[in-house]
Amino acid sequence: MGMGGAWTGREERQDIIALVRRALATTPRGDLGRYSLELRLEGSDLVISGEVAEVAEKKIALERAAAVPGVDVIIDELHVTPRLRRGDAAIAGDVRATLVADPMLVDCSVTTQVGFSPPEIAALRPPGRRGWIAVRVEQGVVTLDGEVPTLLQKRLAGSLAWWVPGVRDVADALGVPSSERDDGEAIAAAVRLALERDPDVSPRNIVVRAAGRAVILDGLVASSDEARSAEADAWRVFGVDAVENRLRVYAGL
């Protein structure tokens, strides 16, 4: 009896893995199984690890897996393949420099950390600063911890970190003390700001709308490359789960 129960449990687990693989094979980005992602169950938790080419593929993979019956919790070890492999110290230094240089984060102190100790990091906040950001990088994965005054600043910091060469993932753990509503308009505002920061995108003819966590990009761009860059910027914003790219190329821009 015990042996049969064990085999039944094993078969159920194998069925769940098979269902997840099937879900990953039919996505708007094609068959994500081409990346040979590792799937395993730890108790009732599904662990997904490996690398994909784009943030969009990462988010779609996690969303598809989460919708599979029997998957309760997903442990995300899925990263994005960087165009350039770099050391963690170099990445951390560039992320800090990028955040410090942005005028919207001028009221935040930014430090880099080798380990992680929130009380010690918080003690580094200079007087008069409204927020603090601690940057930690491990194997190309950037973790942003601390606290910033607004949701827009939180999302901006995460977007900027994604642009640093060598970054494989961004864990935006920044807290926000305010009671702002985190709705579609808040997400749309963050996407607009990300587009403004991207030198490869001219946002003046781009309309950004959001319904919940789904973003729609509409309007005109000068090239297909610009359209792809704008879509990638939207996917990188914390909280965005879907992007519909309706941008049209008009060479006269």
Foldseek 3Di string as FASTA:
>chain_A
DVVVVVVVVVVVQVVLVVQLQVLQQDDPVHRPCVQVWDWHDDDLEIETAGEDAALLSLLSSVVSSCPGPSRDHYDYRYWYDFPDADDFVVLQVVLQVQQCPDPVNVLEAEEEDADDDVVVQVVPTDPRRPWYWYWYDDRQEIEIEIEDADPLSLQLSQLSSVPRGNHTYYHRHYHHPDPDDDFFVSLQVSLLVLQVPDPLEDCPFWDWTGHGQEIEIEGEDQDPVRLVVSQSSSSRGPSRNYYHRHYDHDNVD
